[in-house]
Each structure stands twice: as structure tokens, then as C-alpha cells.
Amino acid sequence: MNTLFGEKKEGATKIVLKSVDEYPEAPVSLGTTLSNFTGDWRTFIPVIDDDKCVKCYICWKFCPEPAIFIREDGYVGVDYDYCKGCGICANECPTKAITMEKEEK
């Protein structure tokens, strides 16, 4: 799948959850507001280290945009088309599995 700044990482496909019961506990809606790409003005991007990730989904719960998603393998990925680079995910990650790196366009 193409993004604004290149290809998504291999294995970072989105999964579709069919009911609220399939989501981790979090205040979310099954609806979506995705209609326009909104991640084209950021300076930094979150980079996730799967080796440090404990699948707590705190980053997913705190992301103010629908940019963090849960991959089929249970780890999280970032949809850079919608990520604004705010760094909330990195700030909230208890294991520091997410670092903010300067984006090169």
C-alpha cells in the first residue's frame, strides 16, 4: 500500500476488527473518520522497535489520530498517511519502544 512518503513496511498490514469485543480495552469507535491524508506536515515520525514492544497498546489508545494500528502479528504499526508526528505515542510508551526520528522527505 502506498503512503505519502513511500511504501509501508512489509508485514504492516491493517487488520479489520468486526466487533467491539475484538478490540483491546480502549475508548474507541468502530466508525472511521479517514477521508483525507493528514500526515504531510510533520517533522518527526514515530519508529517502533518490535523487540521492545510488549503489545500493551497504550500508544494505540492515546494516539489522537487513527494513525496507530494493530498488525496481524499483534504488534502495532504506524500509518504515516495520518500520523502528524505529535510524539504522544512515544511519550506514553512504557518500554520506550517508540522513538521519534526526523523525517526525511
Protein backbone atom coordinates (compact mmCIF):
# COMPACT_ATOMS: atom_id res chain seq x y z
CA MET A 1 0.00 0.00 0.00
CA ASN A 2 1.41 3.40 -0.94
CA THR A 3 1.80 6.20 1.57
CA LEU A 4 2.68 9.81 1.01
CA PHE A 5 6.38 9.18 1.52
CA GLY A 6 6.98 5.64 0.31
CA GLU A 7 5.91 2.08 0.96
CA LYS A 8 4.70 0.73 4.28
CA LYS A 9 6.96 -1.79 5.96
CA GLU A 10 6.44 -5.40 4.97
CA GLY A 11 4.07 -7.11 7.39
CA ALA A 12 2.46 -3.84 8.44
CA THR A 13 -0.93 -4.63 7.00
CA LYS A 14 -4.02 -3.39 8.77
CA ILE A 15 -6.44 -5.84 10.29
CA VAL A 16 -10.15 -5.31 10.32
CA LEU A 17 -11.85 -5.95 13.62
CA LYS A 18 -15.50 -6.81 13.17
CA SER A 19 -16.89 -6.00 16.60
CA VAL A 20 -16.12 -4.05 19.74
CA ASP A 21 -15.28 -7.32 21.51
CA GLU A 22 -12.26 -7.83 19.25
CA TYR A 23 -10.61 -4.52 20.22
CA PRO A 24 -8.27 -4.20 23.20
CA GLU A 25 -9.86 -2.26 26.04
CA ALA A 26 -9.89 1.39 24.98
CA PRO A 27 -12.37 4.20 24.39
CA VAL A 28 -12.73 3.88 20.61
CA SER A 29 -15.43 3.80 17.98
CA LEU A 30 -15.80 1.23 15.23
CA GLY A 31 -16.51 4.08 12.83
CA THR A 32 -13.81 5.91 10.94
CA THR A 33 -13.15 9.50 10.01
CA LEU A 34 -10.46 8.64 7.47
CA SER A 35 -11.14 10.59 4.33
CA ASN A 36 -8.08 12.77 3.69
CA PHE A 37 -4.40 12.20 4.22
CA THR A 38 -3.37 14.43 7.13
CA GLY A 39 0.22 13.45 7.86
CA ASP A 40 2.01 15.57 5.29
CA TRP A 41 3.16 18.46 7.51
CA ARG A 42 5.03 16.68 10.31
CA THR A 43 8.76 16.98 11.05
CA PHE A 44 9.23 13.82 13.15
CA ILE A 45 7.88 10.29 12.71
CA PRO A 46 7.46 7.53 15.28
CA VAL A 47 9.61 4.46 14.70
CA ILE A 48 8.60 1.30 16.58
CA ASP A 49 11.11 -1.27 17.83
CA ASP A 50 9.19 -4.57 17.90
CA ASP A 51 11.86 -6.09 20.16
CA LYS A 52 10.95 -3.64 22.93
CA CYS A 53 7.17 -3.66 22.32
CA VAL A 54 5.13 -5.62 24.88
CA LYS A 55 1.82 -5.25 22.99
CA CYS A 56 0.21 -3.13 25.71
CA TYR A 57 -1.46 -0.92 23.06
CA ILE A 58 -1.05 2.22 25.15
CA CYS A 59 0.25 4.04 22.06
CA TRP A 60 -2.83 2.94 20.14
CA LYS A 61 -5.12 4.11 22.93
CA PHE A 62 -3.51 7.57 23.22
CA CYS A 63 -3.00 8.35 19.53
CA PRO A 64 -5.19 11.39 18.77
CA GLU A 65 -5.43 10.34 15.11
CA PRO A 66 -6.23 6.92 13.62
CA ALA A 67 -2.53 6.51 12.81
CA ILE A 68 -1.58 3.62 15.11
CA PHE A 69 -2.99 0.27 14.08
CA ILE A 70 -2.63 -3.31 15.32
CA ARG A 71 -0.91 -5.61 12.86
CA GLU A 72 -1.87 -9.24 12.30
CA ASP A 73 1.07 -10.37 14.45
CA GLY A 74 -0.26 -8.33 17.41
CA TYR A 75 2.38 -5.61 17.25
CA VAL A 76 1.49 -2.03 16.36
CA GLY A 77 2.24 -0.18 13.17
CA VAL A 78 2.03 3.44 12.09
CA ASP A 79 0.02 4.65 9.13
CA TYR A 80 2.18 7.59 8.10
CA ASP A 81 -0.58 8.94 5.85
CA TYR A 82 -2.40 10.03 9.03
CA CYS A 83 0.39 10.42 11.62
CA LYS A 84 1.04 14.06 12.46
CA GLY A 85 4.26 13.35 14.37
CA CYS A 86 2.98 14.69 17.69
CA GLY A 87 5.02 12.18 19.74
CA ILE A 88 2.26 11.25 22.18
CA CYS A 89 2.76 7.57 21.36
CA ALA A 90 6.49 7.76 22.15
CA ASN A 91 5.84 9.73 25.32
CA GLU A 92 3.27 7.23 26.61
CA CYS A 93 5.14 4.03 25.68
CA PRO A 94 6.18 2.39 28.98
CA THR A 95 9.03 0.40 27.40
CA LYS A 96 10.32 3.23 25.17
CA ALA A 97 9.75 1.04 22.10
CA ILE A 98 8.83 4.14 20.10
CA THR A 99 11.34 6.81 19.19
CA MET A 100 10.68 10.00 17.28
CA GLU A 101 13.06 10.45 14.36
CA LYS A 102 13.43 13.36 11.97
CA GLU A 103 11.57 12.62 8.77
CA GLU A 104 13.46 12.84 5.54
CA LYS A 105 11.15 13.71 2.66
